[in-house]
Amino acid sequence: MREKLAVAFAPERLDIINESHLHAGHQGGAMDGTGETHFRVRILSAAFEGLGRLARHRAVNDALADELAGGLHALAIEPAAPGEPVRW
């Protein structure tokens, strides 16, 4: 994921946080929280300038389409352009 996002967005900052452990028992116990199924992506990139929230999320989802099709269950995306306030 890191390499694909770096190539697609040339981010100034990129944090990828595995939150799978927070979802143990999700979907009736099908997930035990030990895998790599839930991630949070915090990404700061000039590529997001002029884009709305939905367009930013779509761009990240498009960059990670293979991962989403192959077992990545949930992706929390926190995109920002330089100069925008962030909570992280």
N, C-alpha and C. Protein backbone atom coordinates (compact mmCIF):
# COMPACT_ATOMS: atom_id res chain seq x y z
N MET A 1 0.82 -1.19 0.00
CA MET A 1 0.00 0.00 0.00
C MET A 1 0.87 1.26 0.00
N ARG A 2 1.90 1.24 0.81
CA ARG A 2 2.76 2.42 0.93
C ARG A 2 3.35 2.82 -0.42
N GLU A 3 3.87 1.84 -1.14
CA GLU A 3 4.50 2.14 -2.43
C GLU A 3 3.48 2.66 -3.44
N LYS A 4 2.32 2.04 -3.50
CA LYS A 4 1.30 2.48 -4.45
C LYS A 4 0.84 3.90 -4.15
N LEU A 5 0.64 4.22 -2.88
CA LEU A 5 0.21 5.57 -2.52
C LEU A 5 1.32 6.59 -2.76
N ALA A 6 2.55 6.20 -2.51
CA ALA A 6 3.68 7.11 -2.75
C ALA A 6 3.81 7.43 -4.23
N VAL A 7 3.65 6.43 -5.07
CA VAL A 7 3.76 6.64 -6.51
C VAL A 7 2.58 7.48 -7.01
N ALA A 8 1.39 7.18 -6.54
CA ALA A 8 0.19 7.86 -7.04
C ALA A 8 0.07 9.31 -6.57
N PHE A 9 0.57 9.61 -5.36
CA PHE A 9 0.30 10.93 -4.78
C PHE A 9 1.53 11.72 -4.36
N ALA A 10 2.71 11.14 -4.39
CA ALA A 10 3.93 11.82 -3.93
C ALA A 10 3.66 12.61 -2.65
N PRO A 11 3.20 11.93 -1.61
CA PRO A 11 2.78 12.63 -0.40
C PRO A 11 3.92 13.26 0.38
N GLU A 12 3.60 14.37 1.03
CA GLU A 12 4.54 14.98 1.97
C GLU A 12 4.55 14.19 3.27
N ARG A 13 3.41 13.58 3.57
CA ARG A 13 3.29 12.75 4.77
C ARG A 13 2.36 11.60 4.44
N LEU A 14 2.72 10.42 4.92
CA LEU A 14 1.90 9.24 4.70
C LEU A 14 2.01 8.33 5.91
N ASP A 15 0.90 8.14 6.59
CA ASP A 15 0.84 7.22 7.72
C ASP A 15 -0.17 6.14 7.38
N ILE A 16 0.24 4.89 7.49
CA ILE A 16 -0.66 3.76 7.28
C ILE A 16 -0.70 2.99 8.58
N ILE A 17 -1.88 2.93 9.18
CA ILE A 17 -2.03 2.35 10.50
C ILE A 17 -2.91 1.11 10.40
N ASN A 18 -2.38 -0.02 10.85
CA ASN A 18 -3.14 -1.27 10.87
C ASN A 18 -4.04 -1.24 12.10
N GLU A 19 -5.35 -1.18 11.87
CA GLU A 19 -6.32 -1.15 12.95
C GLU A 19 -7.11 -2.46 13.04
N SER A 20 -6.57 -3.51 12.45
CA SER A 20 -7.28 -4.79 12.42
C SER A 20 -7.60 -5.30 13.82
N HIS A 21 -6.69 -5.09 14.76
CA HIS A 21 -6.90 -5.57 16.12
C HIS A 21 -8.13 -4.94 16.78
N LEU A 22 -8.54 -3.79 16.30
CA LEU A 22 -9.71 -3.11 16.86
C LEU A 22 -11.02 -3.73 16.39
N HIS A 23 -10.93 -4.65 15.45
CA HIS A 23 -12.13 -5.21 14.83
C HIS A 23 -12.26 -6.71 15.06
N ALA A 24 -11.65 -7.22 16.10
CA ALA A 24 -11.77 -8.64 16.43
C ALA A 24 -13.24 -8.97 16.65
N GLY A 25 -13.69 -10.05 16.03
CA GLY A 25 -15.08 -10.46 16.16
C GLY A 25 -16.02 -9.78 15.20
N HIS A 26 -15.50 -8.89 14.38
CA HIS A 26 -16.30 -8.19 13.38
C HIS A 26 -16.95 -9.23 12.46
N GLN A 27 -18.12 -8.97 12.01
CA GLN A 27 -18.88 -9.86 11.14
C GLN A 27 -19.14 -11.20 11.82
N GLY A 28 -19.64 -11.13 13.02
CA GLY A 28 -20.03 -12.35 13.72
C GLY A 28 -18.88 -13.26 14.08
N GLY A 29 -17.72 -12.70 14.30
CA GLY A 29 -16.58 -13.48 14.74
C GLY A 29 -15.71 -14.00 13.61
N ALA A 30 -16.02 -13.62 12.38
CA ALA A 30 -15.24 -14.11 11.24
C ALA A 30 -13.83 -13.55 11.22
N MET A 31 -13.61 -12.42 11.87
CA MET A 31 -12.28 -11.81 11.90
C MET A 31 -11.77 -11.84 13.32
N ASP A 32 -10.56 -12.34 13.49
CA ASP A 32 -10.01 -12.48 14.84
C ASP A 32 -9.14 -11.31 15.28
N GLY A 33 -8.93 -10.33 14.39
CA GLY A 33 -8.15 -9.15 14.76
C GLY A 33 -6.67 -9.31 14.57
N THR A 34 -6.21 -10.44 14.04
CA THR A 34 -4.77 -10.65 13.88
C THR A 34 -4.29 -10.40 12.45
N GLY A 35 -5.18 -10.22 11.51
CA GLY A 35 -4.79 -10.06 10.11
C GLY A 35 -4.54 -8.63 9.72
N GLU A 36 -4.57 -8.41 8.43
CA GLU A 36 -4.39 -7.07 7.87
C GLU A 36 -5.62 -6.76 7.03
N THR A 37 -6.70 -6.45 7.72
CA THR A 37 -7.99 -6.26 7.06
C THR A 37 -8.54 -4.86 7.20
N HIS A 38 -8.09 -4.12 8.20
CA HIS A 38 -8.60 -2.78 8.49
C HIS A 38 -7.43 -1.81 8.64
N PHE A 39 -7.43 -0.78 7.81
CA PHE A 39 -6.35 0.20 7.86
C PHE A 39 -6.87 1.63 7.87
N ARG A 40 -6.09 2.51 8.45
CA ARG A 40 -6.33 3.95 8.40
C ARG A 40 -5.18 4.56 7.61
N VAL A 41 -5.51 5.38 6.61
CA VAL A 41 -4.51 6.05 5.79
C VAL A 41 -4.63 7.55 6.01
N ARG A 42 -3.56 8.13 6.51
CA ARG A 42 -3.46 9.59 6.66
C ARG A 42 -2.45 10.06 5.63
N ILE A 43 -2.93 10.87 4.69
CA ILE A 43 -2.07 11.24 3.57
C ILE A 43 -2.19 12.73 3.27
N LEU A 44 -1.05 13.38 3.20
CA LEU A 44 -0.97 14.81 2.91
C LEU A 44 -0.27 14.95 1.56
N SER A 45 -0.99 15.48 0.57
CA SER A 45 -0.43 15.55 -0.78
C SER A 45 -1.00 16.73 -1.55
N ALA A 46 -0.14 17.35 -2.33
CA ALA A 46 -0.58 18.43 -3.22
C ALA A 46 -1.55 17.92 -4.28
N ALA A 47 -1.55 16.62 -4.52
CA ALA A 47 -2.47 16.03 -5.51
C ALA A 47 -3.93 16.21 -5.11
N PHE A 48 -4.19 16.50 -3.84
CA PHE A 48 -5.56 16.68 -3.37
C PHE A 48 -6.06 18.12 -3.46
N GLU A 49 -5.17 19.04 -3.84
CA GLU A 49 -5.57 20.44 -3.94
C GLU A 49 -6.68 20.59 -4.97
N GLY A 50 -7.73 21.29 -4.59
CA GLY A 50 -8.85 21.54 -5.49
C GLY A 50 -9.85 20.40 -5.59
N LEU A 51 -9.57 19.27 -4.94
CA LEU A 51 -10.49 18.15 -4.96
C LEU A 51 -11.36 18.14 -3.71
N GLY A 52 -12.60 17.77 -3.87
CA GLY A 52 -13.49 17.61 -2.73
C GLY A 52 -13.20 16.32 -1.99
N ARG A 53 -13.85 16.16 -0.87
CA ARG A 53 -13.62 14.99 -0.02
C ARG A 53 -13.90 13.68 -0.76
N LEU A 54 -15.02 13.62 -1.46
CA LEU A 54 -15.39 12.40 -2.17
C LEU A 54 -14.37 12.06 -3.26
N ALA A 55 -13.92 13.05 -4.02
CA ALA A 55 -12.94 12.81 -5.08
C ALA A 55 -11.62 12.33 -4.49
N ARG A 56 -11.23 12.84 -3.35
CA ARG A 56 -10.00 12.40 -2.69
C ARG A 56 -10.11 10.94 -2.27
N HIS A 57 -11.24 10.59 -1.67
CA HIS A 57 -11.45 9.21 -1.24
C HIS A 57 -11.46 8.26 -2.44
N ARG A 58 -12.12 8.67 -3.49
CA ARG A 58 -12.16 7.84 -4.70
C ARG A 58 -10.77 7.63 -5.27
N ALA A 59 -9.95 8.67 -5.26
CA ALA A 59 -8.60 8.56 -5.79
C ALA A 59 -7.77 7.56 -4.99
N VAL A 60 -7.88 7.60 -3.67
CA VAL A 60 -7.15 6.65 -2.83
C VAL A 60 -7.69 5.24 -3.05
N ASN A 61 -9.01 5.09 -3.09
CA ASN A 61 -9.60 3.78 -3.34
C ASN A 61 -9.15 3.23 -4.69
N ASP A 62 -9.09 4.07 -5.70
CA ASP A 62 -8.64 3.63 -7.03
C ASP A 62 -7.18 3.15 -6.97
N ALA A 63 -6.35 3.87 -6.24
CA ALA A 63 -4.94 3.49 -6.14
C ALA A 63 -4.77 2.14 -5.43
N LEU A 64 -5.71 1.82 -4.55
CA LEU A 64 -5.63 0.58 -3.78
C LEU A 64 -6.69 -0.44 -4.19
N ALA A 65 -7.13 -0.36 -5.43
CA ALA A 65 -8.20 -1.24 -5.91
C ALA A 65 -7.85 -2.72 -5.76
N ASP A 66 -6.61 -3.10 -6.06
CA ASP A 66 -6.22 -4.50 -5.94
C ASP A 66 -6.31 -4.98 -4.49
N GLU A 67 -5.88 -4.16 -3.57
CA GLU A 67 -5.93 -4.53 -2.16
C GLU A 67 -7.37 -4.66 -1.68
N LEU A 68 -8.22 -3.74 -2.11
CA LEU A 68 -9.62 -3.79 -1.72
C LEU A 68 -10.33 -5.01 -2.29
N ALA A 69 -9.91 -5.44 -3.46
CA ALA A 69 -10.50 -6.63 -4.08
C ALA A 69 -9.92 -7.91 -3.50
N GLY A 70 -8.78 -7.80 -2.82
CA GLY A 70 -8.09 -9.00 -2.38
C GLY A 70 -8.05 -9.23 -0.89
N GLY A 71 -8.97 -8.71 -0.12
CA GLY A 71 -9.00 -9.02 1.30
C GLY A 71 -8.98 -7.84 2.24
N LEU A 72 -8.61 -6.67 1.75
CA LEU A 72 -8.68 -5.47 2.58
C LEU A 72 -10.15 -5.16 2.79
N HIS A 73 -10.61 -5.24 4.02
CA HIS A 73 -12.03 -5.13 4.33
C HIS A 73 -12.48 -3.69 4.55
N ALA A 74 -11.64 -2.90 5.21
CA ALA A 74 -12.03 -1.53 5.54
C ALA A 74 -10.84 -0.59 5.45
N LEU A 75 -11.11 0.59 4.93
CA LEU A 75 -10.07 1.59 4.75
C LEU A 75 -10.61 2.95 5.20
N ALA A 76 -10.07 3.45 6.29
CA ALA A 76 -10.42 4.78 6.77
C ALA A 76 -9.42 5.75 6.15
N ILE A 77 -9.90 6.71 5.39
CA ILE A 77 -9.02 7.61 4.64
C ILE A 77 -9.12 9.02 5.21
N GLU A 78 -7.97 9.60 5.53
CA GLU A 78 -7.89 10.98 6.01
C GLU A 78 -6.96 11.75 5.09
N PRO A 79 -7.48 12.25 3.96
CA PRO A 79 -6.65 12.96 2.99
C PRO A 79 -6.63 14.46 3.25
N ALA A 80 -5.52 15.10 2.94
CA ALA A 80 -5.43 16.55 3.08
C ALA A 80 -4.43 17.09 2.07
N ALA A 81 -4.64 18.34 1.70
CA ALA A 81 -3.69 19.07 0.86
C ALA A 81 -2.82 19.93 1.77
N PRO A 82 -1.61 20.29 1.32
CA PRO A 82 -0.74 21.14 2.13
C PRO A 82 -1.45 22.43 2.55
N GLY A 83 -1.26 22.79 3.80
CA GLY A 83 -1.86 24.01 4.33
C GLY A 83 -3.23 23.81 4.95
N GLU A 84 -3.84 22.66 4.72
CA GLU A 84 -5.14 22.38 5.32
C GLU A 84 -4.95 21.88 6.74
N PRO A 85 -5.85 22.27 7.64
CA PRO A 85 -5.71 21.77 9.02
C PRO A 85 -6.02 20.28 9.10
N VAL A 86 -5.26 19.58 9.89
CA VAL A 86 -5.50 18.16 10.12
C VAL A 86 -5.48 17.91 11.64
N ARG A 87 -6.12 16.83 12.04
CA ARG A 87 -6.13 16.47 13.46
C ARG A 87 -5.00 15.52 13.81
N TRP A 88 -4.17 15.20 12.85
CA TRP A 88 -3.09 14.26 13.06
C TRP A 88 -1.81 14.94 12.75
